[in-house]
């Protein structure tokens, strides 16, 4: 079925998206809300930071359609046609992470109300950072209608813990290459630890933060969003899902943004659910098959096939719901 261009509102923002309906013989179909990852990532999974065709969410819509599911995907604020809505650039960080969760809830409302959609058969599928939004949505008291979640290459630890791990890794690399003195690296590590503590206790970022850490996104404009997102622990949210709740997670050895061990920890927190873990060897973060070579990031926009390691078990999971 072709996509239908739609809009829905959340707060002061009009969101632009693509609705795909697929009505079964009974005149009503299950439906999935698709949620993009972090940054300026649009309804298809394409990013303004990496121009080219990524298409992960569009691919998911294709697979869902093959299994009789309607779907809705949309440009979150800061991406695509939605852009910044009525806000200026400097205002967006002040909106906080709840803005993304509220938008997803409004999108689910819109999807449930569509002709041909069975509102009792709604699932939410989040990619990367969208997985945290999916968990937040599924565990909200008002969203008990969500009957399954897919967490694809998901954020699996608290955000500031992940940023700390990533920044420590980058510092280790430049020190090892002789590009940064150990003493300066240690100063940055201490400043980072202080910043994490400040965000977690008061929601603020110190005024004298070194420039390299500001370049990593630790700036005053992002403080509210960082603090709100970090307050959502994926594993704690996972523990709040009902026993026997259908969940699919995916992770890959070649994902350079999500660690297998972190997703394993999330899976442990999901042990009480009806969990389908998908573990891959050759998929990159955007679910494309990179073969025998490592993923480096630019491969996200290469015309590579989507991973059968993911698509096949994902299709079986969809068919089982």
C-alpha atoms as a PDB file:
ATOM      1  CA  UNK A   1       0.000   0.000   0.000  1.00  0.00           C
ATOM      2  CA  UNK A   2       1.256   3.539  -0.681  1.00  0.00           C
ATOM      3  CA  UNK A   3       1.963   5.836   2.234  1.00  0.00           C
ATOM      4  CA  UNK A   4      -0.604   8.487   3.095  1.00  0.00           C
ATOM      5  CA  UNK A   5       0.845  11.792   4.265  1.00  0.00           C
ATOM      6  CA  UNK A   6      -0.704  12.805   7.590  1.00  0.00           C
ATOM      7  CA  UNK A   7      -0.322  15.315  10.407  1.00  0.00           C
ATOM      8  CA  UNK A   8      -1.152  15.149  14.095  1.00  0.00           C
ATOM      9  CA  UNK A   9      -0.595  17.567  16.952  1.00  0.00           C
ATOM     10  CA  UNK A  10       1.202  17.255  20.273  1.00  0.00           C
ATOM     11  CA  UNK A  11       1.524  20.346  22.410  1.00  0.00           C
ATOM     12  CA  UNK A  12       2.322  23.294  20.165  1.00  0.00           C
ATOM     13  CA  UNK A  13       3.879  21.122  17.452  1.00  0.00           C
ATOM     14  CA  UNK A  14       2.331  19.743  14.271  1.00  0.00           C
ATOM     15  CA  UNK A  15       3.995  16.454  13.392  1.00  0.00           C
ATOM     16  CA  UNK A  16       4.221  15.214   9.805  1.00  0.00           C
ATOM     17  CA  UNK A  17       4.215  11.515   9.081  1.00  0.00           C
ATOM     18  CA  UNK A  18       3.394   8.583   6.845  1.00  0.00           C
ATOM     19  CA  UNK A  19       0.469   6.267   7.489  1.00  0.00           C
ATOM     20  CA  UNK A  20       0.341   2.905   5.813  1.00  0.00           C
ATOM     21  CA  UNK A  21      -2.859   0.892   6.165  1.00  0.00           C
ATOM     22  CA  UNK A  22      -3.343  -2.756   5.375  1.00  0.00           C
ATOM     23  CA  UNK A  23      -6.861  -3.956   6.013  1.00  0.00           C
ATOM     24  CA  UNK A  24      -7.330  -7.691   6.516  1.00  0.00           C
ATOM     25  CA  UNK A  25     -10.338  -9.769   5.561  1.00  0.00           C
ATOM     26  CA  UNK A  26     -12.178  -8.731   8.716  1.00  0.00           C
ATOM     27  CA  UNK A  27     -11.813  -5.071   7.870  1.00  0.00           C
ATOM     28  CA  UNK A  28      -9.508  -4.312  10.775  1.00  0.00           C
ATOM     29  CA  UNK A  29      -5.761  -4.734  11.084  1.00  0.00           C
ATOM     30  CA  UNK A  30      -3.182  -4.641  13.874  1.00  0.00           C
ATOM     31  CA  UNK A  31      -0.959  -1.589  13.728  1.00  0.00           C
ATOM     32  CA  UNK A  32       2.525  -0.462  14.747  1.00  0.00           C
ATOM     33  CA  UNK A  33       3.869   2.921  15.775  1.00  0.00           C
ATOM     34  CA  UNK A  34       7.485   3.298  14.594  1.00  0.00           C
ATOM     35  CA  UNK A  35       9.861   5.527  16.568  1.00  0.00           C
ATOM     36  CA  UNK A  36      13.145   6.896  15.242  1.00  0.00           C
ATOM     37  CA  UNK A  37      16.436   7.179  17.120  1.00  0.00           C
ATOM     38  CA  UNK A  38      18.242  10.216  18.496  1.00  0.00           C
ATOM     39  CA  UNK A  39      19.303  13.365  16.696  1.00  0.00           C
ATOM     40  CA  UNK A  40      17.642  14.820  13.592  1.00  0.00           C
ATOM     41  CA  UNK A  41      16.349  11.417  12.447  1.00  0.00           C
ATOM     42  CA  UNK A  42      13.182  11.489  10.366  1.00  0.00           C
ATOM     43  CA  UNK A  43      10.249   9.143   9.767  1.00  0.00           C
ATOM     44  CA  UNK A  44      12.302   6.913   7.457  1.00  0.00           C
ATOM     45  CA  UNK A  45      15.312   6.668   9.748  1.00  0.00           C
ATOM     46  CA  UNK A  46      17.330   9.127   7.649  1.00  0.00           C
ATOM     47  CA  UNK A  47      19.516  11.664   9.445  1.00  0.00           C
ATOM     48  CA  UNK A  48      20.418  15.233   8.558  1.00  0.00           C
ATOM     49  CA  UNK A  49      23.840  14.502  10.069  1.00  0.00           C
ATOM     50  CA  UNK A  50      24.544  11.762   7.528  1.00  0.00           C
ATOM     51  CA  UNK A  51      22.954  12.702   4.203  1.00  0.00           C
ATOM     52  CA  UNK A  52      21.851   9.727   2.158  1.00  0.00           C
ATOM     53  CA  UNK A  53      19.374   6.875   2.225  1.00  0.00           C
ATOM     54  CA  UNK A  54      19.321   4.962   5.518  1.00  0.00           C
ATOM     55  CA  UNK A  55      15.653   3.996   5.390  1.00  0.00           C
ATOM     56  CA  UNK A  56      15.469   1.722   8.448  1.00  0.00           C
ATOM     57  CA  UNK A  57      11.960   2.737   9.527  1.00  0.00           C
ATOM     58  CA  UNK A  58      10.667   2.623   5.962  1.00  0.00           C
ATOM     59  CA  UNK A  59      12.027  -0.930   5.752  1.00  0.00           C
ATOM     60  CA  UNK A  60      10.218  -1.831   8.973  1.00  0.00           C
ATOM     61  CA  UNK A  61       6.968  -0.484   7.499  1.00  0.00           C
ATOM     62  CA  UNK A  62       7.515  -2.717   4.470  1.00  0.00           C
ATOM     63  CA  UNK A  63       8.012  -5.822   6.618  1.00  0.00           C
ATOM     64  CA  UNK A  64       5.020  -4.971   8.770  1.00  0.00           C
ATOM     65  CA  UNK A  65       2.844  -4.546   5.696  1.00  0.00           C
ATOM     66  CA  UNK A  66       3.890  -7.982   4.462  1.00  0.00           C
ATOM     67  CA  UNK A  67       2.491  -9.402   7.692  1.00  0.00           C
ATOM     68  CA  UNK A  68      -0.795  -7.497   7.597  1.00  0.00           C
ATOM     69  CA  UNK A  69       0.131  -4.613   9.909  1.00  0.00           C
ATOM     70  CA  UNK A  70      -0.740  -0.990   9.407  1.00  0.00           C
ATOM     71  CA  UNK A  71       1.945   1.438  10.548  1.00  0.00           C
ATOM     72  CA  UNK A  72       2.619   5.054  11.370  1.00  0.00           C
ATOM     73  CA  UNK A  73       6.026   6.706  11.312  1.00  0.00           C
ATOM     74  CA  UNK A  74       6.631  10.423  11.706  1.00  0.00           C
ATOM     75  CA  UNK A  75       9.253  13.168  11.672  1.00  0.00           C
ATOM     76  CA  UNK A  76      10.015  13.903  15.299  1.00  0.00           C
ATOM     77  CA  UNK A  77      10.766  17.466  16.303  1.00  0.00           C
ATOM     78  CA  UNK A  78      14.045  18.628  14.798  1.00  0.00           C
ATOM     79  CA  UNK A  79      13.704  16.453  11.690  1.00  0.00           C
ATOM     80  CA  UNK A  80      12.004  16.307   8.311  1.00  0.00           C
ATOM     81  CA  UNK A  81       8.868  18.310   7.626  1.00  0.00           C
ATOM     82  CA  UNK A  82       8.118  18.703  11.333  1.00  0.00           C
ATOM     83  CA  UNK A  83      11.400  20.615  11.695  1.00  0.00           C
ATOM     84  CA  UNK A  84      11.398  22.818  14.814  1.00  0.00           C
ATOM     85  CA  UNK A  85       7.682  23.468  14.797  1.00  0.00           C
ATOM     86  CA  UNK A  86       6.998  26.905  16.314  1.00  0.00           C
ATOM     87  CA  UNK A  87      10.293  26.976  18.225  1.00  0.00           C
ATOM     88  CA  UNK A  88      13.641  28.633  17.646  1.00  0.00           C
ATOM     89  CA  UNK A  89      16.805  26.501  17.697  1.00  0.00           C
ATOM     90  CA  UNK A  90      17.819  27.686  21.150  1.00  0.00           C
ATOM     91  CA  UNK A  91      14.386  26.769  22.565  1.00  0.00           C
ATOM     92  CA  UNK A  92      14.288  23.110  21.506  1.00  0.00           C
ATOM     93  CA  UNK A  93      16.685  21.773  24.138  1.00  0.00           C
ATOM     94  CA  UNK A  94      14.533  23.347  26.803  1.00  0.00           C
ATOM     95  CA  UNK A  95      11.544  21.246  25.787  1.00  0.00           C
ATOM     96  CA  UNK A  96      12.957  18.171  27.496  1.00  0.00           C
ATOM     97  CA  UNK A  97      12.782  14.481  26.684  1.00  0.00           C
ATOM     98  CA  UNK A  98       9.135  14.263  27.707  1.00  0.00           C
ATOM     99  CA  UNK A  99       8.356  16.092  24.467  1.00  0.00           C
ATOM    100  CA  UNK A 100       9.330  12.953  22.524  1.00  0.00           C
ATOM    101  CA  UNK A 101       7.279  10.670  24.765  1.00  0.00           C
ATOM    102  CA  UNK A 102       4.248  12.973  24.537  1.00  0.00           C
ATOM    103  CA  UNK A 103       4.548  13.059  20.737  1.00  0.00           C
ATOM    104  CA  UNK A 104       4.682   9.268  20.597  1.00  0.00           C
ATOM    105  CA  UNK A 105       1.548   9.069  22.750  1.00  0.00           C
ATOM    106  CA  UNK A 106      -0.247  11.494  20.435  1.00  0.00           C
ATOM    107  CA  UNK A 107       0.911   9.460  17.446  1.00  0.00           C
ATOM    108  CA  UNK A 108      -0.501   6.321  19.042  1.00  0.00           C
ATOM    109  CA  UNK A 109      -3.829   8.116  19.593  1.00  0.00           C
ATOM    110  CA  UNK A 110      -3.882   9.118  15.928  1.00  0.00           C
ATOM    111  CA  UNK A 111      -3.053   5.600  14.755  1.00  0.00           C
ATOM    112  CA  UNK A 112      -5.701   3.984  16.974  1.00  0.00           C
ATOM    113  CA  UNK A 113      -8.386   6.253  15.521  1.00  0.00           C
ATOM    114  CA  UNK A 114      -7.700   5.385  11.865  1.00  0.00           C
ATOM    115  CA  UNK A 115     -10.272   3.448   9.814  1.00  0.00           C
ATOM    116  CA  UNK A 116      -9.103  -0.094   9.272  1.00  0.00           C
ATOM    117  CA  UNK A 117      -6.959  -0.153  12.429  1.00  0.00           C
ATOM    118  CA  UNK A 118      -7.867  -2.406  15.346  1.00  0.00           C
ATOM    119  CA  UNK A 119      -7.216  -0.225  18.429  1.00  0.00           C
ATOM    120  CA  UNK A 120      -6.914  -3.329  20.597  1.00  0.00           C
ATOM    121  CA  UNK A 121      -3.982  -4.583  18.516  1.00  0.00           C
ATOM    122  CA  UNK A 122      -1.381  -1.808  18.828  1.00  0.00           C
ATOM    123  CA  UNK A 123       2.356  -2.353  19.115  1.00  0.00           C
ATOM    124  CA  UNK A 124       5.240   0.112  19.425  1.00  0.00           C
ATOM    125  CA  UNK A 125       8.625  -0.403  17.787  1.00  0.00           C
ATOM    126  CA  UNK A 126      11.538   1.867  18.654  1.00  0.00           C
ATOM    127  CA  UNK A 127      14.944   1.961  17.012  1.00  0.00           C
ATOM    128  CA  UNK A 128      17.985   3.036  19.048  1.00  0.00           C
ATOM    129  CA  UNK A 129      16.952   5.929  21.317  1.00  0.00           C
ATOM    130  CA  UNK A 130      13.391   5.310  20.127  1.00  0.00           C
ATOM    131  CA  UNK A 131      13.491   2.106  22.154  1.00  0.00           C
ATOM    132  CA  UNK A 132      13.571   4.150  25.355  1.00  0.00           C
ATOM    133  CA  UNK A 133      10.568   6.156  24.147  1.00  0.00           C
ATOM    134  CA  UNK A 134       8.795   2.869  23.365  1.00  0.00           C
ATOM    135  CA  UNK A 135       9.463   1.562  26.890  1.00  0.00           C
ATOM    136  CA  UNK A 136       8.327   4.830  28.467  1.00  0.00           C
ATOM    137  CA  UNK A 137       5.150   4.726  26.412  1.00  0.00           C
ATOM    138  CA  UNK A 138       4.381   1.053  27.078  1.00  0.00           C
ATOM    139  CA  UNK A 139       4.843   1.432  30.842  1.00  0.00           C
ATOM    140  CA  UNK A 140       2.754   4.593  31.208  1.00  0.00           C
ATOM    141  CA  UNK A 141      -0.469   3.826  33.070  1.00  0.00           C
ATOM    142  CA  UNK A 142      -2.531   5.449  30.336  1.00  0.00           C
ATOM    143  CA  UNK A 143      -0.958   3.308  27.617  1.00  0.00           C
ATOM    144  CA  UNK A 144      -1.983  -0.190  28.748  1.00  0.00           C
ATOM    145  CA  UNK A 145      -3.425  -0.649  25.246  1.00  0.00           C
ATOM    146  CA  UNK A 146       0.120  -1.278  23.926  1.00  0.00           C
ATOM    147  CA  UNK A 147       0.246  -5.051  23.559  1.00  0.00           C
ATOM    148  CA  UNK A 148       3.877  -5.565  22.440  1.00  0.00           C
ATOM    149  CA  UNK A 149       7.114  -3.627  21.989  1.00  0.00           C
ATOM    150  CA  UNK A 150      10.080  -4.034  19.680  1.00  0.00           C
ATOM    151  CA  UNK A 151      13.388  -2.612  20.930  1.00  0.00           C
ATOM    152  CA  UNK A 152      15.795  -2.530  17.994  1.00  0.00           C
ATOM    153  CA  UNK A 153      19.458  -1.779  18.777  1.00  0.00           C
ATOM    154  CA  UNK A 154      18.071  -0.010  21.847  1.00  0.00           C
ATOM    155  CA  UNK A 155      19.539   2.328  24.399  1.00  0.00           C
ATOM    156  CA  UNK A 156      19.961  -0.248  27.168  1.00  0.00           C
ATOM    157  CA  UNK A 157      21.594   1.713  29.994  1.00  0.00           C
ATOM    158  CA  UNK A 158      20.999   5.175  31.411  1.00  0.00           C
ATOM    159  CA  UNK A 159      21.952   7.848  28.905  1.00  0.00           C
ATOM    160  CA  UNK A 160      24.705   9.491  30.951  1.00  0.00           C
ATOM    161  CA  UNK A 161      26.258   6.100  31.694  1.00  0.00           C
ATOM    162  CA  UNK A 162      26.397   5.452  27.956  1.00  0.00           C
ATOM    163  CA  UNK A 163      27.883   8.888  27.235  1.00  0.00           C
ATOM    164  CA  UNK A 164      30.485   8.314  29.942  1.00  0.00           C
ATOM    165  CA  UNK A 165      31.495   4.984  28.415  1.00  0.00           C
ATOM    166  CA  UNK A 166      31.691   6.500  24.939  1.00  0.00           C
ATOM    167  CA  UNK A 167      33.731   9.522  26.017  1.00  0.00           C
ATOM    168  CA  UNK A 168      36.120   7.386  28.073  1.00  0.00           C
ATOM    169  CA  UNK A 169      36.642   5.210  25.001  1.00  0.00           C
ATOM    170  CA  UNK A 170      37.399   8.243  22.854  1.00  0.00           C
ATOM    171  CA  UNK A 171      39.860   9.557  25.436  1.00  0.00           C
ATOM    172  CA  UNK A 172      41.582   6.184  25.642  1.00  0.00           C
ATOM    173  CA  UNK A 173      41.958   6.189  21.861  1.00  0.00           C
ATOM    174  CA  UNK A 174      43.511   9.658  21.553  1.00  0.00           C
ATOM    175  CA  UNK A 175      45.813   9.090  24.529  1.00  0.00           C
ATOM    176  CA  UNK A 176      46.901   5.777  23.042  1.00  0.00           C
ATOM    177  CA  UNK A 177      47.632   7.481  19.728  1.00  0.00           C
ATOM    178  CA  UNK A 178      49.747  10.123  21.458  1.00  0.00           C
ATOM    179  CA  UNK A 179      47.328  12.892  20.497  1.00  0.00           C
ATOM    180  CA  UNK A 180      46.433  13.949  24.048  1.00  0.00           C
ATOM    181  CA  UNK A 181      48.519  13.984  27.242  1.00  0.00           C
ATOM    182  CA  UNK A 182      47.321  11.635  29.974  1.00  0.00           C
ATOM    183  CA  UNK A 183      47.035  14.561  32.406  1.00  0.00           C
ATOM    184  CA  UNK A 184      44.595  16.439  30.158  1.00  0.00           C
ATOM    185  CA  UNK A 185      42.567  13.274  29.600  1.00  0.00           C
ATOM    186  CA  UNK A 186      42.307  12.778  33.357  1.00  0.00           C
ATOM    187  CA  UNK A 187      41.090  16.356  33.768  1.00  0.00           C
ATOM    188  CA  UNK A 188      38.377  15.720  31.194  1.00  0.00           C
ATOM    189  CA  UNK A 189      37.340  12.509  32.962  1.00  0.00           C
ATOM    190  CA  UNK A 190      36.975  14.360  36.266  1.00  0.00           C
ATOM    191  CA  UNK A 191      35.011  17.173  34.629  1.00  0.00           C
ATOM    192  CA  UNK A 192      32.749  14.610  32.993  1.00  0.00           C
ATOM    193  CA  UNK A 193      32.083  12.864  36.315  1.00  0.00           C
ATOM    194  CA  UNK A 194      31.239  16.216  37.913  1.00  0.00           C
ATOM    195  CA  UNK A 195      28.875  17.036  35.048  1.00  0.00           C
ATOM    196  CA  UNK A 196      27.041  13.725  35.351  1.00  0.00           C
ATOM    197  CA  UNK A 197      26.639  14.295  39.089  1.00  0.00           C
ATOM    198  CA  UNK A 198      25.372  17.828  38.476  1.00  0.00           C
ATOM    199  CA  UNK A 199      22.831  16.705  35.881  1.00  0.00           C
ATOM    200  CA  UNK A 200      21.559  13.945  38.153  1.00  0.00           C
ATOM    201  CA  UNK A 201      21.259  16.075  41.272  1.00  0.00           C
ATOM    202  CA  UNK A 202      20.217  19.488  39.981  1.00  0.00           C
ATOM    203  CA  UNK A 203      19.608  19.101  36.240  1.00  0.00           C
ATOM    204  CA  UNK A 204      22.356  21.586  35.428  1.00  0.00           C
ATOM    205  CA  UNK A 205      25.674  21.630  33.589  1.00  0.00           C
ATOM    206  CA  UNK A 206      28.679  23.450  35.127  1.00  0.00           C
ATOM    207  CA  UNK A 207      29.563  26.805  33.574  1.00  0.00           C
ATOM    208  CA  UNK A 208      33.252  26.004  33.164  1.00  0.00           C
ATOM    209  CA  UNK A 209      32.919  22.738  31.263  1.00  0.00           C
ATOM    210  CA  UNK A 210      35.926  22.124  28.944  1.00  0.00           C
ATOM    211  CA  UNK A 211      35.240  22.629  25.259  1.00  0.00           C
ATOM    212  CA  UNK A 212      35.761  18.961  24.252  1.00  0.00           C
ATOM    213  CA  UNK A 213      32.889  17.968  26.542  1.00  0.00           C
ATOM    214  CA  UNK A 214      30.714  20.777  25.210  1.00  0.00           C
ATOM    215  CA  UNK A 215      31.404  19.428  21.720  1.00  0.00           C
ATOM    216  CA  UNK A 216      29.997  16.092  22.920  1.00  0.00           C
ATOM    217  CA  UNK A 217      26.628  17.798  23.513  1.00  0.00           C
ATOM    218  CA  UNK A 218      27.059  18.638  27.201  1.00  0.00           C
ATOM    219  CA  UNK A 219      25.841  22.224  26.936  1.00  0.00           C
ATOM    220  CA  UNK A 220      23.321  24.298  28.891  1.00  0.00           C
ATOM    221  CA  UNK A 221      20.759  24.183  26.087  1.00  0.00           C
ATOM    222  CA  UNK A 222      20.620  20.387  26.329  1.00  0.00           C
ATOM    223  CA  UNK A 223      20.608  20.122  30.118  1.00  0.00           C
ATOM    224  CA  UNK A 224      16.881  19.532  30.581  1.00  0.00           C
ATOM    225  CA  UNK A 225      16.659  16.933  27.819  1.00  0.00           C
ATOM    226  CA  UNK A 226      19.763  15.112  29.071  1.00  0.00           C
ATOM    227  CA  UNK A 227      18.579  15.052  32.683  1.00  0.00           C
ATOM    228  CA  UNK A 228      15.063  13.886  31.784  1.00  0.00           C
ATOM    229  CA  UNK A 229      16.276  11.145  29.471  1.00  0.00           C
ATOM    230  CA  UNK A 230      18.907   9.938  31.929  1.00  0.00           C
ATOM    231  CA  UNK A 231      16.239   9.696  34.637  1.00  0.00           C
ATOM    232  CA  UNK A 232      14.571   6.966  32.549  1.00  0.00           C
ATOM    233  CA  UNK A 233      16.476   3.770  33.274  1.00  0.00           C
ATOM    234  CA  UNK A 234      15.678   1.280  30.467  1.00  0.00           C
ATOM    235  CA  UNK A 235      16.149  -1.700  32.760  1.00  0.00           C
ATOM    236  CA  UNK A 236      13.879  -0.273  35.455  1.00  0.00           C
ATOM    237  CA  UNK A 237      11.218   0.431  32.820  1.00  0.00           C
ATOM    238  CA  UNK A 238      11.643  -3.096  31.446  1.00  0.00           C
ATOM    239  CA  UNK A 239      10.968  -4.469  34.909  1.00  0.00           C
ATOM    240  CA  UNK A 240       7.610  -2.658  34.952  1.00  0.00           C
ATOM    241  CA  UNK A 241       6.258  -4.475  31.897  1.00  0.00           C
ATOM    242  CA  UNK A 242       3.666  -7.146  32.737  1.00  0.00           C
ATOM    243  CA  UNK A 243       4.700 -10.790  33.009  1.00  0.00           C
ATOM    244  CA  UNK A 244       4.331 -12.523  29.661  1.00  0.00           C
ATOM    245  CA  UNK A 245       4.277  -9.228  27.725  1.00  0.00           C
ATOM    246  CA  UNK A 246       5.593  -9.777  24.153  1.00  0.00           C
ATOM    247  CA  UNK A 247       8.958  -8.053  23.612  1.00  0.00           C
ATOM    248  CA  UNK A 248      11.549  -8.331  20.855  1.00  0.00           C
ATOM    249  CA  UNK A 249      15.079  -6.987  21.266  1.00  0.00           C
ATOM    250  CA  UNK A 250      17.842  -6.938  18.689  1.00  0.00           C
ATOM    251  CA  UNK A 251      21.571  -6.361  18.924  1.00  0.00           C
ATOM    252  CA  UNK A 252      24.564  -6.990  16.693  1.00  0.00           C
ATOM    253  CA  UNK A 253      28.250  -7.631  17.196  1.00  0.00           C
ATOM    254  CA  UNK A 254      28.971  -4.971  14.542  1.00  0.00           C
ATOM    255  CA  UNK A 255      26.806  -2.244  16.061  1.00  0.00           C
ATOM    256  CA  UNK A 256      29.237   0.561  16.936  1.00  0.00           C
ATOM    257  CA  UNK A 257      26.651   2.468  18.995  1.00  0.00           C
ATOM    258  CA  UNK A 258      25.127  -0.245  21.190  1.00  0.00           C
ATOM    259  CA  UNK A 259      27.102  -2.870  23.086  1.00  0.00           C
ATOM    260  CA  UNK A 260      26.008  -6.501  23.151  1.00  0.00           C
ATOM    261  CA  UNK A 261      26.666  -6.666  26.894  1.00  0.00           C
ATOM    262  CA  UNK A 262      24.360  -3.709  27.515  1.00  0.00           C
ATOM    263  CA  UNK A 263      21.505  -5.321  25.589  1.00  0.00           C
ATOM    264  CA  UNK A 264      22.183  -8.587  27.432  1.00  0.00           C
ATOM    265  CA  UNK A 265      21.624  -6.654  30.668  1.00  0.00           C
ATOM    266  CA  UNK A 266      18.359  -5.272  29.313  1.00  0.00           C
ATOM    267  CA  UNK A 267      17.329  -8.794  28.318  1.00  0.00           C
ATOM    268  CA  UNK A 268      17.974  -9.928  31.891  1.00  0.00           C
ATOM    269  CA  UNK A 269      15.568  -7.228  33.077  1.00  0.00           C
ATOM    270  CA  UNK A 270      13.021  -8.560  30.565  1.00  0.00           C
ATOM    271  CA  UNK A 271      13.288 -12.170  31.746  1.00  0.00           C
ATOM    272  CA  UNK A 272       9.733 -12.104  33.104  1.00  0.00           C
ATOM    273  CA  UNK A 273       8.291 -11.113  29.708  1.00  0.00           C
ATOM    274  CA  UNK A 274       7.693 -13.188  26.592  1.00  0.00           C
ATOM    275  CA  UNK A 275      11.070 -12.125  25.229  1.00  0.00           C
ATOM    276  CA  UNK A 276      12.353 -12.795  21.719  1.00  0.00           C
ATOM    277  CA  UNK A 277      16.034 -11.785  21.611  1.00  0.00           C
ATOM    278  CA  UNK A 278      17.594 -11.393  18.168  1.00  0.00           C
ATOM    279  CA  UNK A 279      21.394 -11.522  18.171  1.00  0.00           C
ATOM    280  CA  UNK A 280      23.199 -10.724  14.922  1.00  0.00           C
ATOM    281  CA  UNK A 281      26.760 -10.889  13.637  1.00  0.00           C
ATOM    282  CA  UNK A 282      26.878  -8.783  10.447  1.00  0.00           C
ATOM    283  CA  UNK A 283      24.243  -6.065  10.920  1.00  0.00           C
ATOM    284  CA  UNK A 284      25.208  -2.468  11.583  1.00  0.00           C
ATOM    285  CA  UNK A 285      23.283  -0.097  13.834  1.00  0.00           C
ATOM    286  CA  UNK A 286      20.714   0.713  11.143  1.00  0.00           C
ATOM    287  CA  UNK A 287      20.119  -2.993  10.414  1.00  0.00           C
ATOM    288  CA  UNK A 288      22.002  -3.152   7.122  1.00  0.00           C
ATOM    289  CA  UNK A 289      24.234  -6.142   6.377  1.00  0.00           C
ATOM    290  CA  UNK A 290      27.888  -5.059   6.176  1.00  0.00           C
ATOM    291  CA  UNK A 291      29.184  -8.593   5.552  1.00  0.00           C
ATOM    292  CA  UNK A 292      32.661  -9.444   6.795  1.00  0.00           C
ATOM    293  CA  UNK A 293      33.882  -5.856   7.207  1.00  0.00           C
ATOM    294  CA  UNK A 294      33.434  -3.705  10.305  1.00  0.00           C
ATOM    295  CA  UNK A 295      30.850  -0.953  10.479  1.00  0.00           C
ATOM    296  CA  UNK A 296      32.319   2.540  10.636  1.00  0.00           C
ATOM    297  CA  UNK A 297      29.247   4.797  10.342  1.00  0.00           C
ATOM    298  CA  UNK A 298      29.363   5.962   6.717  1.00  0.00           C
ATOM    299  CA  UNK A 299      28.123   2.472   5.766  1.00  0.00           C
ATOM    300  CA  UNK A 300      24.716   3.526   7.159  1.00  0.00           C
ATOM    301  CA  UNK A 301      23.932   5.324   3.886  1.00  0.00           C
ATOM    302  CA  UNK A 302      25.475   2.768   1.533  1.00  0.00           C
ATOM    303  CA  UNK A 303      23.049   0.826  -0.715  1.00  0.00           C
ATOM    304  CA  UNK A 304      23.444  -2.355   1.339  1.00  0.00           C
ATOM    305  CA  UNK A 305      20.722  -4.966   1.871  1.00  0.00           C
ATOM    306  CA  UNK A 306      18.882  -4.963   5.166  1.00  0.00           C
ATOM    307  CA  UNK A 307      20.004  -7.804   7.351  1.00  0.00           C
ATOM    308  CA  UNK A 308      18.183 -11.106   6.940  1.00  0.00           C
ATOM    309  CA  UNK A 309      19.557 -11.900  10.405  1.00  0.00           C
ATOM    310  CA  UNK A 310      17.073  -9.319  11.626  1.00  0.00           C
ATOM    311  CA  UNK A 311      14.265  -9.320   9.077  1.00  0.00           C
ATOM    312  CA  UNK A 312      13.511 -13.035   9.235  1.00  0.00           C
ATOM    313  CA  UNK A 313      13.117 -13.379  13.029  1.00  0.00           C
ATOM    314  CA  UNK A 314      11.379 -10.004  13.184  1.00  0.00           C
ATOM    315  CA  UNK A 315       8.869 -11.215  10.607  1.00  0.00           C
ATOM    316  CA  UNK A 316       8.260 -14.405  12.585  1.00  0.00           C
ATOM    317  CA  UNK A 317       7.724 -12.374  15.749  1.00  0.00           C
ATOM    318  CA  UNK A 318       5.254 -10.068  14.014  1.00  0.00           C
ATOM    319  CA  UNK A 319       3.378 -13.050  12.631  1.00  0.00           C
ATOM    320  CA  UNK A 320       3.105 -14.569  16.122  1.00  0.00           C
ATOM    321  CA  UNK A 321       1.409 -11.560  17.714  1.00  0.00           C
END
